[in-house]
Amino acid sequence: MADKITFHLSNDQMTDVNVSVWDDRNGSLVLDTAPLNQGESVDVQVIADSSGHGAAHWAFASSDGSVNSNKQQTDIDEGDNCTLG
């Protein structure tokens, strides 16, 4: 089994959102439409490559549709703090 890393994904938006996260190493959905309040964070676990880095992308949206975006991040290290935007 491949090693995994955990990183923190923080909601830096001006509103509460729902977020989904995919592991870019294997394409699996690791967080499915999870509510994330403004200023809060969630721990996300993804597979690490041979150098110990993870890669993920996420999509998020507010319930009123005022915020709707996505982001991809590579070379994520254990314990990194990532933001939605």
C-alpha atoms as a PDB file:
ATOM      1  CA  MET A   1       0.000   0.000   0.000  1.00  0.00           C
ATOM      2  CA  ALA A   2       1.256   3.477  -0.878  1.00  0.00           C
ATOM      3  CA  ASP A   3       2.184   5.930   1.850  1.00  0.00           C
ATOM      4  CA  LYS A   4      -0.254   8.723   2.561  1.00  0.00           C
ATOM      5  CA  ILE A   5       0.094  12.284   3.743  1.00  0.00           C
ATOM      6  CA  THR A   6      -2.394  14.534   5.505  1.00  0.00           C
ATOM      7  CA  PHE A   7      -2.766  18.229   4.733  1.00  0.00           C
ATOM      8  CA  HIS A   8      -5.123  20.928   6.019  1.00  0.00           C
ATOM      9  CA  LEU A   9      -7.538  22.596   3.598  1.00  0.00           C
ATOM     10  CA  SER A  10      -8.835  25.966   4.856  1.00  0.00           C
ATOM     11  CA  ASN A  11     -11.844  27.954   3.702  1.00  0.00           C
ATOM     12  CA  ASP A  12     -10.400  31.384   2.886  1.00  0.00           C
ATOM     13  CA  GLN A  13     -13.567  32.487   1.088  1.00  0.00           C
ATOM     14  CA  MET A  14     -16.014  35.146   2.324  1.00  0.00           C
ATOM     15  CA  THR A  15     -18.772  32.569   2.881  1.00  0.00           C
ATOM     16  CA  ASP A  16     -19.444  28.964   3.880  1.00  0.00           C
ATOM     17  CA  VAL A  17     -18.974  26.439   1.071  1.00  0.00           C
ATOM     18  CA  ASN A  18     -19.286  22.782   0.191  1.00  0.00           C
ATOM     19  CA  VAL A  19     -16.034  21.253  -1.034  1.00  0.00           C
ATOM     20  CA  SER A  20     -15.029  18.073  -2.855  1.00  0.00           C
ATOM     21  CA  VAL A  21     -11.404  16.907  -3.104  1.00  0.00           C
ATOM     22  CA  TRP A  22      -9.810  14.405  -5.507  1.00  0.00           C
ATOM     23  CA  ASP A  23      -6.462  12.665  -5.054  1.00  0.00           C
ATOM     24  CA  ASP A  24      -4.513  13.376  -8.261  1.00  0.00           C
ATOM     25  CA  ARG A  25      -2.255  10.329  -7.783  1.00  0.00           C
ATOM     26  CA  ASN A  26      -5.102   7.844  -8.287  1.00  0.00           C
ATOM     27  CA  GLY A  27      -8.132  10.001  -9.196  1.00  0.00           C
ATOM     28  CA  SER A  28     -10.190   8.949  -6.184  1.00  0.00           C
ATOM     29  CA  LEU A  29     -12.685  11.246  -4.487  1.00  0.00           C
ATOM     30  CA  VAL A  30     -11.364  11.709  -0.928  1.00  0.00           C
ATOM     31  CA  LEU A  31     -13.826  14.363   0.303  1.00  0.00           C
ATOM     32  CA  ASP A  32     -17.359  14.427  -1.079  1.00  0.00           C
ATOM     33  CA  THR A  33     -19.317  17.702  -0.900  1.00  0.00           C
ATOM     34  CA  ALA A  34     -18.292  18.389   2.693  1.00  0.00           C
ATOM     35  CA  PRO A  35     -19.571  21.592   4.309  1.00  0.00           C
ATOM     36  CA  LEU A  36     -16.748  23.926   5.305  1.00  0.00           C
ATOM     37  CA  ASN A  37     -17.557  27.103   7.205  1.00  0.00           C
ATOM     38  CA  GLN A  38     -15.697  30.349   6.555  1.00  0.00           C
ATOM     39  CA  GLY A  39     -12.362  30.346   8.402  1.00  0.00           C
ATOM     40  CA  GLU A  40     -12.475  26.629   9.224  1.00  0.00           C
ATOM     41  CA  SER A  41     -10.304  23.844   7.868  1.00  0.00           C
ATOM     42  CA  VAL A  42     -10.544  20.122   7.251  1.00  0.00           C
ATOM     43  CA  ASP A  43      -7.817  17.467   7.189  1.00  0.00           C
ATOM     44  CA  VAL A  44      -7.467  15.675   3.856  1.00  0.00           C
ATOM     45  CA  GLN A  45      -5.465  12.498   3.247  1.00  0.00           C
ATOM     46  CA  VAL A  46      -3.940  11.684  -0.157  1.00  0.00           C
ATOM     47  CA  ILE A  47      -1.391   9.225  -1.546  1.00  0.00           C
ATOM     48  CA  ALA A  48       2.243  10.343  -1.502  1.00  0.00           C
ATOM     49  CA  ASP A  49       4.593   9.859  -4.434  1.00  0.00           C
ATOM     50  CA  SER A  50       8.076   8.365  -4.014  1.00  0.00           C
ATOM     51  CA  SER A  51       9.352  11.756  -2.796  1.00  0.00           C
ATOM     52  CA  GLY A  52       6.628  12.013  -0.137  1.00  0.00           C
ATOM     53  CA  HIS A  53       4.560  14.662  -1.925  1.00  0.00           C
ATOM     54  CA  GLY A  54       0.813  14.569  -2.528  1.00  0.00           C
ATOM     55  CA  ALA A  55      -1.236  16.153  -5.296  1.00  0.00           C
ATOM     56  CA  ALA A  56      -4.915  17.057  -5.217  1.00  0.00           C
ATOM     57  CA  HIS A  57      -7.546  19.248  -6.787  1.00  0.00           C
ATOM     58  CA  TRP A  58     -10.761  20.553  -5.293  1.00  0.00           C
ATOM     59  CA  ALA A  59     -13.980  22.230  -6.294  1.00  0.00           C
ATOM     60  CA  PHE A  60     -16.121  24.328  -3.982  1.00  0.00           C
ATOM     61  CA  ALA A  61     -19.345  26.298  -4.080  1.00  0.00           C
ATOM     62  CA  SER A  62     -21.523  28.297  -1.728  1.00  0.00           C
ATOM     63  CA  SER A  63     -25.151  27.306  -1.307  1.00  0.00           C
ATOM     64  CA  ASP A  64     -26.358  30.583  -2.889  1.00  0.00           C
ATOM     65  CA  GLY A  65     -24.053  30.191  -5.901  1.00  0.00           C
ATOM     66  CA  SER A  66     -22.106  33.391  -5.220  1.00  0.00           C
ATOM     67  CA  VAL A  67     -18.846  31.423  -4.902  1.00  0.00           C
ATOM     68  CA  ASN A  68     -18.006  28.599  -7.287  1.00  0.00           C
ATOM     69  CA  SER A  69     -14.431  27.695  -8.186  1.00  0.00           C
ATOM     70  CA  ASN A  70     -11.710  25.055  -8.212  1.00  0.00           C
ATOM     71  CA  LYS A  71      -7.970  24.718  -7.672  1.00  0.00           C
ATOM     72  CA  GLN A  72      -5.198  22.168  -8.177  1.00  0.00           C
ATOM     73  CA  GLN A  73      -2.102  21.866  -6.035  1.00  0.00           C
ATOM     74  CA  THR A  74       0.928  19.618  -6.469  1.00  0.00           C
ATOM     75  CA  ASP A  75       3.922  18.913  -4.229  1.00  0.00           C
ATOM     76  CA  ILE A  76       1.808  18.974  -1.064  1.00  0.00           C
ATOM     77  CA  ASP A  77       3.829  17.939   1.980  1.00  0.00           C
ATOM     78  CA  GLU A  78       2.692  16.285   5.211  1.00  0.00           C
ATOM     79  CA  GLY A  79       0.991  18.910   7.404  1.00  0.00           C
ATOM     80  CA  ASP A  80       0.814  21.634   4.724  1.00  0.00           C
ATOM     81  CA  ASN A  81      -1.851  24.304   5.065  1.00  0.00           C
ATOM     82  CA  CYS A  82      -3.650  24.807   1.740  1.00  0.00           C
ATOM     83  CA  THR A  83      -6.471  27.242   0.981  1.00  0.00           C
ATOM     84  CA  LEU A  84      -9.469  26.881  -1.290  1.00  0.00           C
ATOM     85  CA  GLY A  85      -8.729  29.906  -3.460  1.00  0.00           C
END
